[in-house]
Amino acid sequence: MNKYWHVVGVGIQNTLVYRVNFLFRACFALIPLMATIYLWRAIFASNADSPQIAGYSLATMTSYYLLATIVDALTAVAEDDWQIAADIKDGRISQFLLKPIDYLAYRLCLFGAGRIIYAAVAALPATLFIVVQRSHFLLPSDGLTLVLFLASTVLTALLQFLMSYTIALLAFWVLEVSTFIFILFAFEYIAGGHLFPLDILPSALANALSYTPFPYQLYFPVSIYLGRIAGDELWRGLLIQSFWVATLFGLARFAWHRGIRRYAAVGG
């Protein structure tokens, strides 16, 4: 494991070079968040006769988007998929075929290092924003809810990484993977709960989405924190989320071994 801890250290050092970029990215990400929160405030104000919309109060809806921003900062894939595809196209993965290091573990270490630095840099503006919105920010109902939220967030990070990693491995077969990456991002953004909580959709559609991996990339851990998912539904969701992590891990391994059979590097 020493070599992977070294990779994490190197990844942290490399990522620290972009700490100012991360700070500005985190700050500017709060602008659309603020616009979304004020939009929902206007919706609730225009619906004063009913204090809730689809079971959400103003505080719950505000907390949803604040938590979505936090989970996204902790789990979202930045440039990893593009870098993996570039490693394949440019032949840089040849060095990993000759060394006792697993490429998936190597990329996972770099992904983790990047998330650590980004989360640390984004913590200050995000905390200040939450303090400003503290009157509308809900705390978890109990310690178990917080623990399950953190566990689901870890699974979300693994799910995000493995999905992007597998898509990037298509570079073994196609010249340009950008189309696949953009399509995946679109599905994640719409069906993952970035735009709106998925349980405001018709129940049949929301239930169908619950069997896909996308809600578990954001909506599910946030809903655990807010207590929107509990009891048997919570444990079933964690089981499905774990299933998708295991499935994508197996698919990533399969794609790597099949891709290596096609891979050829020429020259020095």
C-alpha atoms as a PDB file:
ATOM      1  CA  MET A   1       0.000   0.000   0.000  1.00  0.00           C
ATOM      2  CA  ASN A   2       2.976   2.350   0.400  1.00  0.00           C
ATOM      3  CA  LYS A   3       3.070   3.125  -3.301  1.00  0.00           C
ATOM      4  CA  TYR A   4      -0.597   4.147  -3.295  1.00  0.00           C
ATOM      5  CA  TRP A   5      -0.091   6.415  -0.269  1.00  0.00           C
ATOM      6  CA  HIS A   6       2.753   7.973  -2.242  1.00  0.00           C
ATOM      7  CA  VAL A   7       0.376   8.492  -5.177  1.00  0.00           C
ATOM      8  CA  VAL A   8      -2.080  10.229  -2.841  1.00  0.00           C
ATOM      9  CA  GLY A   9       0.728  12.491  -1.594  1.00  0.00           C
ATOM     10  CA  VAL A  10       1.833  13.344  -5.103  1.00  0.00           C
ATOM     11  CA  GLY A  11      -1.787  13.956  -6.122  1.00  0.00           C
ATOM     12  CA  ILE A  12      -2.285  16.363  -3.218  1.00  0.00           C
ATOM     13  CA  GLN A  13       0.896  18.256  -4.131  1.00  0.00           C
ATOM     14  CA  ASN A  14      -0.127  18.508  -7.780  1.00  0.00           C
ATOM     15  CA  THR A  15      -3.667  19.581  -6.925  1.00  0.00           C
ATOM     16  CA  LEU A  16      -2.473  22.281  -4.503  1.00  0.00           C
ATOM     17  CA  VAL A  17      -1.076  24.131  -7.503  1.00  0.00           C
ATOM     18  CA  TYR A  18      -4.695  24.862  -8.517  1.00  0.00           C
ATOM     19  CA  ARG A  19      -5.960  25.853  -5.048  1.00  0.00           C
ATOM     20  CA  VAL A  20      -6.776  29.418  -6.133  1.00  0.00           C
ATOM     21  CA  ASN A  21      -8.671  28.078  -9.157  1.00  0.00           C
ATOM     22  CA  PHE A  22     -10.642  25.801  -6.843  1.00  0.00           C
ATOM     23  CA  LEU A  23     -11.423  28.704  -4.522  1.00  0.00           C
ATOM     24  CA  PHE A  24     -12.805  30.827  -7.352  1.00  0.00           C
ATOM     25  CA  ARG A  25     -14.715  27.832  -8.760  1.00  0.00           C
ATOM     26  CA  ALA A  26     -16.271  27.174  -5.364  1.00  0.00           C
ATOM     27  CA  CYS A  27     -17.194  30.841  -4.913  1.00  0.00           C
ATOM     28  CA  PHE A  28     -18.752  31.206  -8.348  1.00  0.00           C
ATOM     29  CA  ALA A  29     -20.657  27.937  -7.854  1.00  0.00           C
ATOM     30  CA  LEU A  30     -22.537  29.688  -5.060  1.00  0.00           C
ATOM     31  CA  ILE A  31     -24.053  32.195  -7.514  1.00  0.00           C
ATOM     32  CA  PRO A  32     -26.414  29.734  -9.276  1.00  0.00           C
ATOM     33  CA  LEU A  33     -27.077  28.149  -5.870  1.00  0.00           C
ATOM     34  CA  MET A  34     -28.185  31.514  -4.521  1.00  0.00           C
ATOM     35  CA  ALA A  35     -30.372  32.102  -7.590  1.00  0.00           C
ATOM     36  CA  THR A  36     -32.017  28.695  -7.128  1.00  0.00           C
ATOM     37  CA  ILE A  37     -32.717  29.328  -3.445  1.00  0.00           C
ATOM     38  CA  TYR A  38     -34.282  32.730  -4.134  1.00  0.00           C
ATOM     39  CA  LEU A  39     -36.341  31.186  -6.925  1.00  0.00           C
ATOM     40  CA  TRP A  40     -37.812  28.646  -4.505  1.00  0.00           C
ATOM     41  CA  ARG A  41     -38.404  31.379  -1.961  1.00  0.00           C
ATOM     42  CA  ALA A  42     -40.462  33.244  -4.539  1.00  0.00           C
ATOM     43  CA  ILE A  43     -42.405  30.052  -5.327  1.00  0.00           C
ATOM     44  CA  PHE A  44     -43.169  29.447  -1.652  1.00  0.00           C
ATOM     45  CA  ALA A  45     -44.105  33.113  -1.179  1.00  0.00           C
ATOM     46  CA  SER A  46     -46.571  32.926  -4.082  1.00  0.00           C
ATOM     47  CA  ASN A  47     -48.061  29.781  -2.538  1.00  0.00           C
ATOM     48  CA  ALA A  48     -48.574  31.242   0.922  1.00  0.00           C
ATOM     49  CA  ASP A  49     -51.805  29.280   1.470  1.00  0.00           C
ATOM     50  CA  SER A  50     -49.813  26.055   1.564  1.00  0.00           C
ATOM     51  CA  PRO A  51     -46.581  25.922   3.645  1.00  0.00           C
ATOM     52  CA  GLN A  52     -45.291  22.906   1.717  1.00  0.00           C
ATOM     53  CA  ILE A  53     -44.736  21.949  -1.929  1.00  0.00           C
ATOM     54  CA  ALA A  54     -44.571  18.206  -2.673  1.00  0.00           C
ATOM     55  CA  GLY A  55     -43.874  17.632   1.018  1.00  0.00           C
ATOM     56  CA  TYR A  56     -41.010  20.153   1.139  1.00  0.00           C
ATOM     57  CA  SER A  57     -41.024  23.190   3.388  1.00  0.00           C
ATOM     58  CA  LEU A  58     -38.904  26.212   2.493  1.00  0.00           C
ATOM     59  CA  ALA A  59     -36.257  25.147   5.033  1.00  0.00           C
ATOM     60  CA  THR A  60     -36.171  21.590   3.663  1.00  0.00           C
ATOM     61  CA  MET A  61     -35.880  22.784   0.062  1.00  0.00           C
ATOM     62  CA  THR A  62     -33.128  25.259   0.967  1.00  0.00           C
ATOM     63  CA  SER A  63     -31.263  22.570   2.896  1.00  0.00           C
ATOM     64  CA  TYR A  64     -31.599  20.217  -0.066  1.00  0.00           C
ATOM     65  CA  TYR A  65     -29.711  22.543  -2.398  1.00  0.00           C
ATOM     66  CA  LEU A  66     -27.105  23.446   0.209  1.00  0.00           C
ATOM     67  CA  LEU A  67     -26.443  19.771   0.891  1.00  0.00           C
ATOM     68  CA  ALA A  68     -26.392  19.005  -2.833  1.00  0.00           C
ATOM     69  CA  THR A  69     -23.592  21.553  -3.208  1.00  0.00           C
ATOM     70  CA  ILE A  70     -21.643  19.951  -0.357  1.00  0.00           C
ATOM     71  CA  VAL A  71     -22.065  16.392  -1.668  1.00  0.00           C
ATOM     72  CA  ASP A  72     -21.129  17.511  -5.166  1.00  0.00           C
ATOM     73  CA  ALA A  73     -17.928  19.122  -3.853  1.00  0.00           C
ATOM     74  CA  LEU A  74     -17.016  15.893  -2.062  1.00  0.00           C
ATOM     75  CA  THR A  75     -17.829  13.419  -4.831  1.00  0.00           C
ATOM     76  CA  ALA A  76     -17.891  15.002  -8.296  1.00  0.00           C
ATOM     77  CA  VAL A  77     -15.346  13.916 -10.897  1.00  0.00           C
ATOM     78  CA  ALA A  78     -13.375  16.886 -12.217  1.00  0.00           C
ATOM     79  CA  GLU A  79     -10.920  16.090 -15.022  1.00  0.00           C
ATOM     80  CA  ASP A  80     -10.263  12.438 -14.238  1.00  0.00           C
ATOM     81  CA  ASP A  81     -12.212  11.009 -17.183  1.00  0.00           C
ATOM     82  CA  TRP A  82     -10.469  13.313 -19.660  1.00  0.00           C
ATOM     83  CA  GLN A  83      -7.057  12.458 -18.191  1.00  0.00           C
ATOM     84  CA  ILE A  84      -7.719   8.712 -18.368  1.00  0.00           C
ATOM     85  CA  ALA A  85      -8.788   8.972 -22.006  1.00  0.00           C
ATOM     86  CA  ALA A  86      -5.688  11.057 -22.757  1.00  0.00           C
ATOM     87  CA  ASP A  87      -3.438   8.475 -21.061  1.00  0.00           C
ATOM     88  CA  ILE A  88      -4.839   5.820 -23.370  1.00  0.00           C
ATOM     89  CA  LYS A  89      -4.696   7.862 -26.571  1.00  0.00           C
ATOM     90  CA  ASP A  90      -1.196   9.209 -25.896  1.00  0.00           C
ATOM     91  CA  GLY A  91       0.225   5.870 -24.803  1.00  0.00           C
ATOM     92  CA  ARG A  92       1.082   6.913 -21.257  1.00  0.00           C
ATOM     93  CA  ILE A  93      -0.575   3.828 -19.771  1.00  0.00           C
ATOM     94  CA  SER A  94       2.300   1.709 -21.130  1.00  0.00           C
ATOM     95  CA  GLN A  95       4.319   2.506 -18.011  1.00  0.00           C
ATOM     96  CA  PHE A  96       1.615   0.970 -15.819  1.00  0.00           C
ATOM     97  CA  LEU A  97       1.684  -2.278 -17.753  1.00  0.00           C
ATOM     98  CA  LEU A  98       5.331  -2.792 -16.771  1.00  0.00           C
ATOM     99  CA  LYS A  99       5.092  -1.837 -13.097  1.00  0.00           C
ATOM    100  CA  PRO A 100       3.436  -3.503 -10.069  1.00  0.00           C
ATOM    101  CA  ILE A 101       0.730  -0.871  -9.821  1.00  0.00           C
ATOM    102  CA  ASP A 102      -2.953  -1.153 -10.589  1.00  0.00           C
ATOM    103  CA  TYR A 103      -4.170   1.628 -12.882  1.00  0.00           C
ATOM    104  CA  LEU A 104      -7.667   1.762 -11.381  1.00  0.00           C
ATOM    105  CA  ALA A 105      -6.246   2.070  -7.842  1.00  0.00           C
ATOM    106  CA  TYR A 106      -3.776   4.680  -9.096  1.00  0.00           C
ATOM    107  CA  ARG A 107      -6.551   6.817 -10.605  1.00  0.00           C
ATOM    108  CA  LEU A 108      -8.741   6.339  -7.522  1.00  0.00           C
ATOM    109  CA  CYS A 109      -5.923   7.687  -5.340  1.00  0.00           C
ATOM    110  CA  LEU A 110      -5.570  10.753  -7.570  1.00  0.00           C
ATOM    111  CA  PHE A 111      -9.347  11.238  -7.529  1.00  0.00           C
ATOM    112  CA  GLY A 112      -9.376  11.078  -3.731  1.00  0.00           C
ATOM    113  CA  ALA A 113      -6.489  13.529  -3.455  1.00  0.00           C
ATOM    114  CA  GLY A 114      -8.258  15.974  -5.748  1.00  0.00           C
ATOM    115  CA  ARG A 115     -11.503  15.758  -3.764  1.00  0.00           C
ATOM    116  CA  ILE A 116      -9.647  16.322  -0.471  1.00  0.00           C
ATOM    117  CA  ILE A 117      -8.047  19.551  -1.701  1.00  0.00           C
ATOM    118  CA  TYR A 118     -11.165  20.826  -3.457  1.00  0.00           C
ATOM    119  CA  ALA A 119     -13.341  20.135  -0.401  1.00  0.00           C
ATOM    120  CA  ALA A 120     -10.809  21.831   1.882  1.00  0.00           C
ATOM    121  CA  VAL A 121     -10.640  24.945  -0.303  1.00  0.00           C
ATOM    122  CA  ALA A 122     -14.408  25.059  -0.851  1.00  0.00           C
ATOM    123  CA  ALA A 123     -15.118  24.615   2.868  1.00  0.00           C
ATOM    124  CA  LEU A 124     -14.651  28.312   3.706  1.00  0.00           C
ATOM    125  CA  PRO A 125     -17.064  29.858   1.155  1.00  0.00           C
ATOM    126  CA  ALA A 126     -19.562  27.015   1.616  1.00  0.00           C
ATOM    127  CA  THR A 127     -19.501  27.395   5.412  1.00  0.00           C
ATOM    128  CA  LEU A 128     -19.982  31.156   5.186  1.00  0.00           C
ATOM    129  CA  PHE A 129     -22.921  30.625   2.823  1.00  0.00           C
ATOM    130  CA  ILE A 130     -24.515  28.099   5.182  1.00  0.00           C
ATOM    131  CA  VAL A 131     -24.047  30.514   8.107  1.00  0.00           C
ATOM    132  CA  VAL A 132     -25.882  33.195   6.118  1.00  0.00           C
ATOM    133  CA  GLN A 133     -28.673  30.704   5.384  1.00  0.00           C
ATOM    134  CA  ARG A 134     -28.600  29.114   8.860  1.00  0.00           C
ATOM    135  CA  SER A 135     -32.234  29.976   9.550  1.00  0.00           C
ATOM    136  CA  HIS A 136     -33.206  27.671   6.666  1.00  0.00           C
ATOM    137  CA  PHE A 137     -30.594  24.943   7.165  1.00  0.00           C
ATOM    138  CA  LEU A 138     -31.710  21.750   8.875  1.00  0.00           C
ATOM    139  CA  LEU A 139     -29.533  19.501  11.016  1.00  0.00           C
ATOM    140  CA  PRO A 140     -29.812  15.682  10.872  1.00  0.00           C
ATOM    141  CA  SER A 141     -32.445  14.202  13.142  1.00  0.00           C
ATOM    142  CA  ASP A 142     -29.982  11.883  14.941  1.00  0.00           C
ATOM    143  CA  GLY A 143     -26.462  10.478  14.888  1.00  0.00           C
ATOM    144  CA  LEU A 144     -27.401   7.362  12.916  1.00  0.00           C
ATOM    145  CA  THR A 145     -28.821   9.516  10.119  1.00  0.00           C
ATOM    146  CA  LEU A 146     -25.543  11.421   9.925  1.00  0.00           C
ATOM    147  CA  VAL A 147     -23.506   8.194   9.830  1.00  0.00           C
ATOM    148  CA  LEU A 148     -25.673   6.724   7.063  1.00  0.00           C
ATOM    149  CA  PHE A 149     -25.455   9.999   5.142  1.00  0.00           C
ATOM    150  CA  LEU A 150     -21.635   9.892   5.313  1.00  0.00           C
ATOM    151  CA  ALA A 151     -21.572   6.207   4.294  1.00  0.00           C
ATOM    152  CA  SER A 152     -23.839   6.899   1.336  1.00  0.00           C
ATOM    153  CA  THR A 153     -21.667   9.878   0.355  1.00  0.00           C
ATOM    154  CA  VAL A 154     -18.602   7.600   0.216  1.00  0.00           C
ATOM    155  CA  LEU A 155     -20.526   5.176  -2.001  1.00  0.00           C
ATOM    156  CA  THR A 156     -21.604   8.145  -4.141  1.00  0.00           C
ATOM    157  CA  ALA A 157     -17.960   9.154  -4.641  1.00  0.00           C
ATOM    158  CA  LEU A 158     -17.053   5.598  -5.676  1.00  0.00           C
ATOM    159  CA  LEU A 159     -20.041   5.461  -8.016  1.00  0.00           C
ATOM    160  CA  GLN A 160     -19.121   8.774  -9.621  1.00  0.00           C
ATOM    161  CA  PHE A 161     -15.519   7.713 -10.111  1.00  0.00           C
ATOM    162  CA  LEU A 162     -16.212   4.214 -11.432  1.00  0.00           C
ATOM    163  CA  MET A 163     -18.808   5.456 -13.910  1.00  0.00           C
ATOM    164  CA  SER A 164     -16.466   8.114 -15.290  1.00  0.00           C
ATOM    165  CA  TYR A 165     -13.541   5.668 -15.314  1.00  0.00           C
ATOM    166  CA  THR A 166     -15.509   3.102 -17.304  1.00  0.00           C
ATOM    167  CA  ILE A 167     -16.706   5.680 -19.827  1.00  0.00           C
ATOM    168  CA  ALA A 168     -13.136   6.959 -20.249  1.00  0.00           C
ATOM    169  CA  LEU A 169     -11.951   3.415 -21.068  1.00  0.00           C
ATOM    170  CA  LEU A 170     -13.973   3.636 -24.285  1.00  0.00           C
ATOM    171  CA  ALA A 171     -10.859   5.408 -25.592  1.00  0.00           C
ATOM    172  CA  PHE A 172      -9.517   1.914 -26.235  1.00  0.00           C
ATOM    173  CA  TRP A 173     -12.143   1.534 -28.975  1.00  0.00           C
ATOM    174  CA  VAL A 174     -13.060   5.045 -30.153  1.00  0.00           C
ATOM    175  CA  LEU A 175     -10.912   8.009 -31.045  1.00  0.00           C
ATOM    176  CA  GLU A 176     -12.917  10.617 -29.131  1.00  0.00           C
ATOM    177  CA  VAL A 177     -14.902   9.953 -25.946  1.00  0.00           C
ATOM    178  CA  SER A 178     -16.113  13.511 -25.339  1.00  0.00           C
ATOM    179  CA  THR A 179     -19.610  12.744 -26.676  1.00  0.00           C
ATOM    180  CA  PHE A 180     -20.054   9.869 -24.234  1.00  0.00           C
ATOM    181  CA  ILE A 181     -18.776  12.000 -21.349  1.00  0.00           C
ATOM    182  CA  PHE A 182     -21.198  14.823 -22.145  1.00  0.00           C
ATOM    183  CA  ILE A 183     -24.133  12.407 -22.483  1.00  0.00           C
ATOM    184  CA  LEU A 184     -23.260  10.848 -19.126  1.00  0.00           C
ATOM    185  CA  PHE A 185     -23.000  14.278 -17.524  1.00  0.00           C
ATOM    186  CA  ALA A 186     -26.425  15.248 -18.881  1.00  0.00           C
ATOM    187  CA  PHE A 187     -28.035  12.120 -17.389  1.00  0.00           C
ATOM    188  CA  GLU A 188     -26.260  12.682 -14.074  1.00  0.00           C
ATOM    189  CA  TYR A 189     -27.381  16.315 -13.900  1.00  0.00           C
ATOM    190  CA  ILE A 190     -31.020  15.686 -14.768  1.00  0.00           C
ATOM    191  CA  ALA A 191     -31.649  12.262 -13.202  1.00  0.00           C
ATOM    192  CA  GLY A 192     -29.261  12.717 -10.281  1.00  0.00           C
ATOM    193  CA  GLY A 193     -31.197  15.461  -8.534  1.00  0.00           C
ATOM    194  CA  HIS A 194     -29.035  18.483  -9.303  1.00  0.00           C
ATOM    195  CA  LEU A 195     -31.881  20.476 -10.827  1.00  0.00           C
ATOM    196  CA  PHE A 196     -34.649  19.463  -8.419  1.00  0.00           C
ATOM    197  CA  PRO A 197     -35.458  16.772  -5.840  1.00  0.00           C
ATOM    198  CA  LEU A 198     -36.510  13.651  -7.691  1.00  0.00           C
ATOM    199  CA  ASP A 199     -39.412  12.882  -5.384  1.00  0.00           C
ATOM    200  CA  ILE A 200     -41.364  15.844  -6.754  1.00  0.00           C
ATOM    201  CA  LEU A 201     -41.673  13.849  -9.983  1.00  0.00           C
ATOM    202  CA  PRO A 202     -44.642  11.519 -10.579  1.00  0.00           C
ATOM    203  CA  SER A 203     -44.253   8.511  -8.288  1.00  0.00           C
ATOM    204  CA  ALA A 204     -44.021   6.002 -11.156  1.00  0.00           C
ATOM    205  CA  LEU A 205     -41.143   7.910 -12.779  1.00  0.00           C
ATOM    206  CA  ALA A 206     -39.353   8.493  -9.474  1.00  0.00           C
ATOM    207  CA  ASN A 207     -39.657   4.785  -8.622  1.00  0.00           C
ATOM    208  CA  ALA A 208     -38.285   3.771 -12.036  1.00  0.00           C
ATOM    209  CA  LEU A 209     -35.311   6.103 -11.600  1.00  0.00           C
ATOM    210  CA  SER A 210     -34.560   4.564  -8.200  1.00  0.00           C
ATOM    211  CA  TYR A 211     -33.344   1.396  -9.957  1.00  0.00           C
ATOM    212  CA  THR A 212     -30.827   3.328 -12.088  1.00  0.00           C
ATOM    213  CA  PRO A 213     -27.456   4.517 -10.719  1.00  0.00           C
ATOM    214  CA  PHE A 214     -28.165   8.225 -11.259  1.00  0.00           C
ATOM    215  CA  PRO A 215     -30.210   9.109  -8.118  1.00  0.00           C
ATOM    216  CA  TYR A 216     -27.435   7.603  -6.003  1.00  0.00           C
ATOM    217  CA  GLN A 217     -24.952  10.137  -7.362  1.00  0.00           C
ATOM    218  CA  LEU A 218     -26.528  13.003  -5.396  1.00  0.00           C
ATOM    219  CA  TYR A 219     -30.228  12.786  -4.529  1.00  0.00           C
ATOM    220  CA  PHE A 220     -30.064   9.687  -2.331  1.00  0.00           C
ATOM    221  CA  PRO A 221     -27.461  10.787   0.268  1.00  0.00           C
ATOM    222  CA  VAL A 222     -29.063  14.243   0.524  1.00  0.00           C
ATOM    223  CA  SER A 223     -32.469  12.644   1.102  1.00  0.00           C
ATOM    224  CA  ILE A 224     -31.020  10.452   3.851  1.00  0.00           C
ATOM    225  CA  TYR A 225     -29.701  13.538   5.643  1.00  0.00           C
ATOM    226  CA  LEU A 226     -33.061  15.293   5.377  1.00  0.00           C
ATOM    227  CA  GLY A 227     -34.961  12.235   6.590  1.00  0.00           C
ATOM    228  CA  ARG A 228     -36.892  12.001   3.324  1.00  0.00           C
ATOM    229  CA  ILE A 229     -35.795   8.378   3.003  1.00  0.00           C
ATOM    230  CA  ALA A 230     -36.006   6.164   6.082  1.00  0.00           C
ATOM    231  CA  GLY A 231     -36.803   2.662   7.270  1.00  0.00           C
ATOM    232  CA  ASP A 232     -36.915  -0.168   4.754  1.00  0.00           C
ATOM    233  CA  GLU A 233     -36.679   2.282   1.839  1.00  0.00           C
ATOM    234  CA  LEU A 234     -33.362   3.575   3.196  1.00  0.00           C
ATOM    235  CA  TRP A 235     -31.806   0.112   3.546  1.00  0.00           C
ATOM    236  CA  ARG A 236     -33.123  -0.901   0.130  1.00  0.00           C
ATOM    237  CA  GLY A 237     -31.565   2.238  -1.342  1.00  0.00           C
ATOM    238  CA  LEU A 238     -28.196   1.537   0.285  1.00  0.00           C
ATOM    239  CA  LEU A 239     -28.339  -2.015  -1.078  1.00  0.00           C
ATOM    240  CA  ILE A 240     -29.081  -0.744  -4.606  1.00  0.00           C
ATOM    241  CA  GLN A 241     -26.330   1.863  -4.319  1.00  0.00           C
ATOM    242  CA  SER A 242     -23.844  -0.800  -3.209  1.00  0.00           C
ATOM    243  CA  PHE A 243     -25.010  -3.038  -6.064  1.00  0.00           C
ATOM    244  CA  TRP A 244     -24.269  -0.321  -8.618  1.00  0.00           C
ATOM    245  CA  VAL A 245     -20.831   0.325  -7.112  1.00  0.00           C
ATOM    246  CA  ALA A 246     -19.995  -3.398  -7.320  1.00  0.00           C
ATOM    247  CA  THR A 247     -21.443  -3.692 -10.834  1.00  0.00           C
ATOM    248  CA  LEU A 248     -19.491  -0.719 -12.156  1.00  0.00           C
ATOM    249  CA  PHE A 249     -16.321  -2.011 -10.497  1.00  0.00           C
ATOM    250  CA  GLY A 250     -16.758  -5.310 -12.320  1.00  0.00           C
ATOM    251  CA  LEU A 251     -17.554  -3.514 -15.574  1.00  0.00           C
ATOM    252  CA  ALA A 252     -14.480  -1.303 -15.177  1.00  0.00           C
ATOM    253  CA  ARG A 253     -12.272  -4.353 -14.674  1.00  0.00           C
ATOM    254  CA  PHE A 254     -13.819  -6.095 -17.665  1.00  0.00           C
ATOM    255  CA  ALA A 255     -13.407  -3.050 -19.926  1.00  0.00           C
ATOM    256  CA  TRP A 256      -9.783  -2.623 -18.851  1.00  0.00           C
ATOM    257  CA  HIS A 257      -8.802  -6.234 -19.572  1.00  0.00           C
ATOM    258  CA  ARG A 258     -10.592  -6.223 -22.938  1.00  0.00           C
ATOM    259  CA  GLY A 259      -9.144  -2.844 -23.832  1.00  0.00           C
ATOM    260  CA  ILE A 260      -5.577  -3.876 -23.031  1.00  0.00           C
ATOM    261  CA  ARG A 261      -5.913  -6.656 -25.611  1.00  0.00           C
ATOM    262  CA  ARG A 262      -6.529  -4.002 -28.278  1.00  0.00           C
ATOM    263  CA  TYR A 263      -3.961  -1.531 -26.990  1.00  0.00           C
ATOM    264  CA  ALA A 264      -0.759  -0.966 -28.908  1.00  0.00           C
ATOM    265  CA  ALA A 265       1.989   1.580 -28.288  1.00  0.00           C
ATOM    266  CA  VAL A 266       4.588   2.318 -30.950  1.00  0.00           C
ATOM    267  CA  GLY A 267       7.871   4.124 -30.451  1.00  0.00           C
ATOM    268  CA  GLY A 268       9.812   5.240 -27.380  1.00  0.00           C
END
